[in-house]
Amino acid sequence: MASRDLTSAFIERRTATNRRRKSSGPSSPSKIKPFGISKKHHDYDDIAMEDGNSSLYASSSSTLPPHWVNDVDAVNAAISDIHRLMSELQSMHASRIGTVFGRDLDTMERQIERKTTDITTLFRKAERSLKKVGASTRMAGGEESTV
């Protein structure tokens, strides 16, 4: 299963930012308070781009995971949705079997059919994503590609 391990990239960026802050000299005590609490709101982009150093963004492009990782995430999301819908469908079937009189059976049947169609659609979506993963790994040069 693919995963996104961004720990090393985070540590690298944190170290570089701390080095730049220390080399730029001490900041005024009114601007930064202990534990990084400041009076003004700073965007994370400003912190990463302070002193005009954009080398962090250039290095981040080489540490990005392959595109197929997003497809694997989509498959995992579809599978979790399928599990949830299957449990709902099971309870709908149990309710339908227990109902003989007093309820509109046609409405229940339509709901069951709609839920079944939703599940089938999710299966097909997951299948397409898996095919994209297979094609991406073959294009990358093998059955397995490291993240």
Protein backbone atom coordinates (compact mmCIF):
# COMPACT_ATOMS: atom_id res chain seq x y z
CA MET A 1 0.00 0.00 0.00
CA ALA A 2 1.31 3.42 -0.89
CA SER A 3 1.82 6.10 1.68
CA ARG A 4 3.10 9.62 1.85
CA ASP A 5 6.01 9.93 4.24
CA LEU A 6 6.81 13.61 4.39
CA THR A 7 8.76 13.50 7.66
CA SER A 8 12.19 13.97 6.09
CA ALA A 9 10.95 16.85 3.93
CA PHE A 10 9.42 18.51 7.00
CA ILE A 11 12.61 18.14 9.04
CA GLU A 12 14.67 19.53 6.15
CA ARG A 13 12.43 22.58 5.78
CA ARG A 14 12.26 23.20 9.52
CA THR A 15 16.04 23.05 9.82
CA ALA A 16 16.53 25.41 6.87
CA THR A 17 13.98 27.89 8.24
CA ASN A 18 15.60 27.85 11.69
CA ARG A 19 19.04 28.43 10.12
CA ARG A 20 17.74 31.39 8.10
CA ARG A 21 16.06 32.90 11.14
CA LYS A 22 19.22 32.60 13.24
CA SER A 23 21.42 34.03 10.49
CA SER A 24 19.15 37.04 9.94
CA GLY A 25 19.89 38.23 13.46
CA PRO A 26 17.80 38.58 16.57
CA SER A 27 14.29 39.82 16.07
CA SER A 28 12.72 42.51 18.17
CA PRO A 29 11.06 41.23 21.35
CA SER A 30 7.79 42.98 20.52
CA LYS A 31 7.41 41.10 17.25
CA ILE A 32 7.83 37.48 18.40
CA LYS A 33 6.75 36.16 21.74
CA PRO A 34 7.76 32.86 23.38
CA PHE A 35 6.67 29.64 21.70
CA GLY A 36 6.24 31.36 18.34
CA ILE A 37 3.13 33.31 19.36
CA SER A 38 3.05 36.65 17.59
CA LYS A 39 0.64 39.54 17.43
CA LYS A 40 0.31 39.36 13.67
CA HIS A 41 -0.98 36.46 11.62
CA HIS A 42 1.71 35.10 9.27
CA ASP A 43 0.95 32.84 6.34
CA TYR A 44 2.91 29.62 6.11
CA ASP A 45 4.00 30.64 2.61
CA ASP A 46 5.64 33.74 4.06
CA ILE A 47 7.60 31.63 6.51
CA ALA A 48 8.75 29.23 3.82
CA MET A 49 9.67 32.02 1.42
CA GLU A 50 11.27 34.41 3.92
CA ASP A 51 14.48 36.09 2.74
CA GLY A 52 13.53 35.28 -0.87
CA ASN A 53 14.91 31.76 -0.66
CA SER A 54 12.79 29.62 -2.96
CA SER A 55 15.14 26.63 -3.00
CA LEU A 56 12.78 24.84 -0.63
CA TYR A 57 10.06 24.85 -3.25
CA ALA A 58 12.47 23.55 -5.87
CA SER A 59 13.52 20.69 -3.60
CA SER A 60 9.92 19.87 -2.70
CA SER A 61 9.09 18.94 -6.27
CA SER A 62 11.63 16.13 -6.14
CA THR A 63 10.20 14.76 -2.89
CA LEU A 64 6.60 14.57 -4.08
CA PRO A 65 5.16 11.08 -4.31
CA PRO A 66 4.24 9.60 -7.70
CA HIS A 67 0.87 10.50 -9.21
CA TRP A 68 -0.45 6.99 -8.70
CA VAL A 69 -0.45 7.54 -4.92
CA ASN A 70 -3.50 9.78 -5.40
CA ASP A 71 -5.18 6.96 -7.33
CA VAL A 72 -4.45 4.53 -4.49
CA ASP A 73 -5.97 7.03 -2.05
CA ALA A 74 -9.06 7.23 -4.28
CA VAL A 75 -9.34 3.43 -4.29
CA ASN A 76 -9.08 3.30 -0.50
CA ALA A 77 -11.75 5.99 -0.16
CA ALA A 78 -14.03 4.12 -2.57
CA ILE A 79 -13.54 0.86 -0.65
CA SER A 80 -14.44 2.52 2.65
CA ASP A 81 -17.55 4.02 1.03
CA ILE A 82 -18.46 0.60 -0.37
CA HIS A 83 -18.18 -0.97 3.10
CA ARG A 84 -20.43 1.71 4.55
CA LEU A 85 -23.01 1.35 1.76
CA MET A 86 -22.93 -2.45 2.02
CA SER A 87 -23.82 -2.30 5.71
CA GLU A 88 -26.67 0.10 4.90
CA LEU A 89 -27.84 -2.22 2.12
CA GLN A 90 -27.74 -5.20 4.47
CA SER A 91 -29.94 -3.41 6.99
CA MET A 92 -32.32 -2.38 4.19
CA HIS A 93 -32.59 -6.00 3.05
CA ALA A 94 -33.25 -7.16 6.61
CA SER A 95 -35.95 -4.53 6.97
CA ARG A 96 -37.47 -5.55 3.63
CA ILE A 97 -37.56 -9.24 4.52
CA GLY A 98 -39.22 -8.51 7.86
CA THR A 99 -41.88 -6.33 6.24
CA VAL A 100 -44.89 -8.08 4.80
CA PHE A 101 -47.75 -5.67 5.41
CA GLY A 102 -48.28 -2.03 6.30
CA ARG A 103 -45.45 -0.43 4.34
CA ASP A 104 -44.95 0.58 0.78
CA LEU A 105 -42.86 -2.31 -0.51
CA ASP A 106 -42.29 -0.70 -3.90
CA THR A 107 -40.56 2.26 -2.26
CA MET A 108 -38.31 -0.07 -0.29
CA GLU A 109 -37.45 -2.02 -3.43
CA ARG A 110 -36.52 1.20 -5.27
CA GLN A 111 -34.31 2.29 -2.38
CA ILE A 112 -32.56 -1.08 -2.39
CA GLU A 113 -32.03 -0.91 -6.15
CA ARG A 114 -30.69 2.64 -5.89
CA LYS A 115 -28.26 1.64 -3.14
CA THR A 116 -27.13 -1.36 -5.20
CA THR A 117 -26.53 0.91 -8.19
CA ASP A 118 -24.49 3.28 -6.03
CA ILE A 119 -22.32 0.40 -4.81
CA THR A 120 -21.80 -0.87 -8.36
CA THR A 121 -20.80 2.61 -9.50
CA LEU A 122 -18.23 2.86 -6.72
CA PHE A 123 -16.81 -0.56 -7.64
CA ARG A 124 -16.36 0.59 -11.23
CA LYS A 125 -14.74 3.83 -10.11
CA ALA A 126 -12.30 1.90 -7.92
CA GLU A 127 -11.58 -0.48 -10.80
CA ARG A 128 -10.73 2.42 -13.13
CA SER A 129 -8.42 3.90 -10.50
CA LEU A 130 -6.69 0.55 -10.04
CA LYS A 131 -6.15 0.28 -13.78
CA LYS A 132 -4.56 3.73 -13.73
CA VAL A 133 -2.26 2.60 -10.91
CA GLY A 134 -1.22 -0.45 -12.92
CA ALA A 135 -0.55 1.62 -16.02
CA SER A 136 1.44 4.18 -14.02
CA THR A 137 3.66 1.55 -12.41
CA ARG A 138 4.31 -0.12 -15.76
CA MET A 139 5.25 3.24 -17.26
CA ALA A 140 7.55 3.91 -14.29
CA GLY A 141 9.55 0.84 -15.20
CA GLY A 142 8.36 -2.07 -13.16
CA GLU A 143 5.73 -3.80 -11.18
CA GLU A 144 6.83 -2.02 -8.04
CA SER A 145 7.81 1.59 -7.77
CA THR A 146 9.17 3.11 -4.60
CA VAL A 147 7.53 6.15 -3.13
